[in-house]
Protein backbone atom coordinates (compact mmCIF):
# COMPACT_ATOMS: atom_id res chain seq x y z
CA MET A 1 78.36 120.60 -139.23
CA THR A 2 76.75 118.21 -136.81
CA PHE A 3 79.04 115.41 -135.74
CA GLY A 4 78.38 113.03 -132.88
CA ILE A 5 80.09 109.96 -131.54
CA ALA A 6 77.62 107.25 -130.69
CA PRO A 7 78.33 105.29 -127.50
CA PRO A 8 80.27 102.05 -128.12
CA LEU A 9 78.16 98.99 -128.58
CA THR A 10 78.48 96.20 -126.05
CA THR A 11 80.62 93.40 -127.44
CA THR A 12 79.59 89.98 -126.24
CA GLN A 13 79.94 86.55 -127.75
CA PRO A 14 76.80 86.20 -129.88
CA SER A 15 74.73 83.07 -129.63
CA ALA A 16 73.46 81.27 -132.69
CA THR A 17 69.97 82.66 -132.05
CA ALA A 18 71.26 86.22 -131.67
CA SER A 19 73.31 85.92 -134.85
CA ALA A 20 70.31 84.63 -136.78
CA ALA A 21 68.19 87.49 -135.47
CA ARG A 22 70.85 90.02 -136.43
CA LEU A 23 71.08 88.62 -139.95
CA GLY A 24 67.32 88.92 -140.19
CA ARG A 25 67.59 92.64 -139.56
CA MET A 26 69.20 93.46 -142.89
CA LEU A 27 67.90 93.84 -146.42
CA GLU A 28 69.36 92.32 -149.56
CA PRO A 29 69.71 94.61 -152.62
CA SER A 30 66.85 92.79 -154.36
CA GLU A 31 64.57 93.33 -151.35
CA TRP A 32 65.49 97.00 -151.25
CA ALA A 33 64.94 97.44 -154.98
CA SER A 34 61.46 95.89 -154.74
CA ALA A 35 60.42 97.93 -151.68
CA GLY A 36 59.15 100.89 -153.68
CA ILE A 37 61.85 103.31 -152.51
CA PRO A 38 61.26 106.67 -154.28
CA LEU A 39 63.96 107.61 -156.78
CA LEU A 40 65.89 110.82 -156.32
CA ARG A 41 65.41 113.22 -159.23
CA ASN A 42 68.93 114.58 -158.89
CA PRO A 43 70.96 112.27 -156.63
CA ARG A 44 74.30 113.96 -157.36
CA GLU A 45 72.98 117.31 -156.14
CA VAL A 46 71.74 115.75 -152.90
CA VAL A 47 74.97 113.82 -152.36
CA THR A 48 77.18 116.82 -153.11
CA GLY A 49 75.19 119.08 -150.81
CA LEU A 50 75.34 116.64 -147.90
CA HIS A 51 79.04 115.95 -148.46
CA ASP A 52 79.90 119.66 -148.58
CA ARG A 53 77.94 120.28 -145.41
CA HIS A 54 79.15 117.37 -143.26
CA LEU A 55 82.46 116.24 -144.86
CA PRO A 56 81.91 112.66 -143.70
CA GLY A 57 84.83 110.33 -143.04
CA PRO A 58 84.79 106.52 -142.84
CA SER A 59 82.07 105.07 -140.58
CA THR A 60 80.11 108.35 -140.71
CA ALA A 61 76.38 108.29 -141.44
CA VAL A 62 74.54 111.39 -142.67
CA VAL A 63 70.75 111.26 -142.40
CA ALA A 64 68.74 113.98 -144.14
CA VAL A 65 65.06 114.83 -144.47
CA LEU A 66 63.77 116.03 -147.86
CA ASP A 67 60.58 117.99 -148.50
CA PRO A 68 58.26 117.10 -151.42
CA GLU A 69 60.42 119.28 -153.72
CA GLU A 70 63.51 117.27 -152.77
CA ARG A 71 65.01 120.11 -150.76
CA VAL A 72 66.92 119.18 -147.63
CA THR A 73 65.17 120.64 -144.58
CA ALA A 74 67.33 119.03 -141.87
CA SER A 75 70.36 116.78 -141.62
CA ALA A 76 72.69 115.30 -139.04
CA SER A 77 75.87 113.22 -139.07
CA PHE A 78 77.23 110.76 -136.55
CA VAL A 79 79.70 107.89 -136.20
CA LEU A 80 78.66 104.37 -135.22
CA ARG A 81 81.25 101.60 -135.30
CA THR A 82 80.55 97.93 -134.69
CA ASP A 83 82.09 94.61 -135.71
CA ALA A 84 78.65 93.00 -135.94
CA PRO A 85 76.32 95.34 -137.88
CA ASP A 86 72.78 95.13 -136.55
CA GLY A 87 69.82 96.92 -138.09
CA TRP A 88 68.35 97.33 -134.61
CA ASP A 89 71.30 99.44 -133.42
CA PHE A 90 71.35 101.42 -136.65
CA ARG A 91 67.60 102.03 -136.42
CA ASN A 92 67.91 103.37 -132.88
CA ALA A 93 70.82 105.65 -133.83
CA LEU A 94 68.97 107.04 -136.86
CA LEU A 95 65.76 107.55 -134.91
CA SER A 96 67.66 109.43 -132.20
CA GLN A 97 69.17 111.80 -134.77
CA LEU A 98 65.85 112.36 -136.54
CA ARG A 99 64.16 113.23 -133.27
CA ARG A 100 66.85 115.83 -132.58
CA VAL A 101 66.58 117.68 -135.87
CA VAL A 102 62.96 117.39 -137.05
CA PRO A 103 59.52 116.74 -135.49
CA HIS A 104 57.75 113.52 -136.40
CA ASP A 105 54.93 113.28 -138.96
CA LEU A 106 53.03 110.45 -137.30
CA ARG A 107 49.78 112.42 -137.25
CA LEU A 108 49.66 112.62 -141.05
CA ARG A 109 47.66 110.06 -143.00
CA ALA A 110 50.53 109.59 -145.43
CA PRO A 111 54.17 110.72 -145.24
CA VAL A 112 55.02 113.91 -147.12
CA ARG A 113 58.72 114.09 -146.26
CA THR A 114 61.42 111.58 -147.11
CA ALA A 115 64.53 110.54 -145.21
CA VAL A 116 67.68 109.54 -147.09
CA LEU A 117 70.91 108.11 -145.72
CA LEU A 118 74.45 108.72 -146.92
CA TYR A 119 76.95 106.29 -145.39
CA CYS A 120 80.69 106.81 -145.79
CA ARG A 121 82.73 103.62 -145.48
CA ASP A 122 85.89 101.84 -146.55
CA GLY A 123 85.88 99.20 -149.25
CA GLY A 124 84.36 99.05 -152.70
CA PRO A 125 80.90 99.92 -154.00
CA LEU A 126 79.45 96.40 -153.71
CA TRP A 127 76.75 95.65 -151.13
CA THR A 128 77.92 94.53 -147.69
CA GLU A 129 76.14 93.19 -144.61
CA ALA A 130 76.60 96.62 -143.01
CA ASP A 131 74.75 98.18 -145.96
CA GLY A 132 71.92 95.71 -145.49
CA ALA A 133 71.69 96.57 -141.79
CA TRP A 134 71.63 100.30 -142.55
CA MET A 135 68.86 99.75 -145.09
CA TRP A 136 66.79 97.87 -142.52
CA GLY A 137 67.49 100.52 -139.91
CA LEU A 138 66.56 103.40 -142.22
CA ARG A 139 63.29 101.79 -143.26
CA ASP A 140 62.28 101.08 -139.66
CA ALA A 141 63.33 104.51 -138.37
CA CYS A 142 61.29 106.21 -141.10
CA THR A 143 58.20 104.19 -140.15
CA LEU A 144 58.57 105.14 -136.48
CA HIS A 145 59.06 108.84 -137.33
CA GLY A 146 56.29 109.14 -139.92
CA LEU A 147 58.61 109.62 -142.90
CA ARG A 148 58.92 107.98 -146.29
CA CYS A 149 61.96 105.75 -146.59
CA GLY A 150 64.23 107.21 -149.23
CA ALA A 151 67.51 106.38 -150.92
CA TYR A 152 70.46 104.66 -149.27
CA ILE A 153 73.73 106.01 -150.65
CA THR A 154 77.26 104.78 -150.02
CA LEU A 155 80.34 107.00 -150.24
CA THR A 156 83.74 105.37 -150.73
CA ARG A 157 87.11 106.28 -152.21
CA ASP A 158 85.69 105.22 -155.58
CA GLY A 159 82.82 107.72 -155.41
CA TRP A 160 79.15 107.47 -154.49
CA GLN A 161 76.43 105.01 -155.39
CA VAL A 162 72.69 104.79 -154.78
CA LEU A 163 72.31 101.14 -153.86
CA GLY A 164 69.44 99.31 -155.49
CA GLU A 165 69.31 101.79 -158.37
CA GLY A 166 72.67 101.45 -160.09
CA ARG A 167 73.22 105.22 -160.18
CA GLY A 168 76.45 106.77 -158.97
CA GLY A 169 79.42 108.97 -159.76
CA ARG A 170 83.11 109.54 -159.04
CA ARG A 171 82.65 112.82 -157.16
CA PRO A 172 82.29 113.43 -154.34
CA TYR A 173 84.27 110.61 -152.77
CA THR A 174 85.76 109.86 -149.36
CA GLY A 175 88.37 112.51 -148.61
CA ALA A 176 87.23 114.91 -151.34
CA ARG A 177 87.19 118.62 -150.52
CA PRO A 178 83.93 120.59 -150.83
CA GLU A 179 83.11 121.62 -154.39
CA ARG A 180 81.53 124.90 -153.27
CA PRO A 181 82.69 127.49 -150.71
CA GLN A 182 80.95 127.30 -147.36
CA LEU A 183 79.49 130.19 -145.39
CA SER A 184 79.80 130.25 -141.62
CA ASP A 185 76.58 130.44 -139.61
CA ALA A 186 77.40 134.04 -138.65
CA THR A 187 78.01 135.02 -142.28
CA ARG A 188 74.85 133.21 -143.37
CA GLU A 189 72.83 135.08 -140.74
CA ARG A 190 74.14 138.39 -142.06
CA HIS A 191 73.24 137.41 -145.60
CA ASP A 192 69.77 136.24 -144.53
CA GLY A 193 69.13 139.19 -142.26
CA GLY A 194 69.28 136.96 -139.19
CA MET A 195 66.32 134.81 -140.20
CA ALA A 196 65.31 132.25 -142.80
CA ALA A 197 63.77 134.00 -145.81
CA GLY A 198 61.64 132.19 -148.36
CA PRO A 199 61.61 128.46 -149.06
CA PRO A 200 64.60 126.23 -148.27
CA ARG A 201 67.34 126.33 -150.85
CA ARG A 202 68.73 123.26 -152.64
CA THR A 203 72.06 123.22 -150.81
CA GLY A 204 71.89 119.81 -149.18
CA GLY A 205 72.56 121.41 -145.79
CA GLY A 206 69.01 121.90 -144.57
CA ALA A 207 67.01 125.00 -143.75
CA PRO A 208 69.04 127.75 -141.96
CA GLU A 209 67.10 127.45 -138.71
CA ALA A 210 67.44 123.68 -138.74
CA ARG A 211 71.18 123.99 -139.38
CA ARG A 212 71.71 126.39 -136.52
CA ARG A 213 69.65 124.29 -134.11
CA THR A 214 71.52 121.13 -135.12
CA ALA A 215 74.96 122.70 -134.91
CA ALA A 216 74.22 124.04 -131.44
CA ARG A 217 73.81 120.50 -130.20
């Protein structure tokens, strides 16, 4: 599991101009729904895999990169707390994590991989300003890393929900235990013969090499 604590954001008294700029760096649900975000074929499988791998708690973001077959090839989790959610800060945090776990695709004419974001938070399933800032940040980070912007998913005590799509479920939820047993990296290496064999599996935890490289950080 990759788990990082982002440095605390500087808290200063925002000016009216700064507040207006911050509010401009968030997306409303209607804007997100009309942005052409690709639908996940099996969102519950993706959500369950990422939850089992990272076990996110409140204020934890899990960013994952999917290949064209919707298999997770890399993922990372981190905590970023702020009283004034700003898409700029979220974009920078997401871009930093993406750069750590996967090379960019900026040389491609069109993106072939997709980044999705699972955000675990308190409260209910309804859209919040923080959600809007995360949506803005995810979209911008994907553009700067050469990825397609994928689904934004919230995880609360009530379950999970893909915002902008109306799809969700009761499990997993915040505080839920993994639904499948986990293998340690050492055990997984023994099973795989010490190397990744064949195409990535649909586990939601990323390719074995990507997992080991991420965990080492």
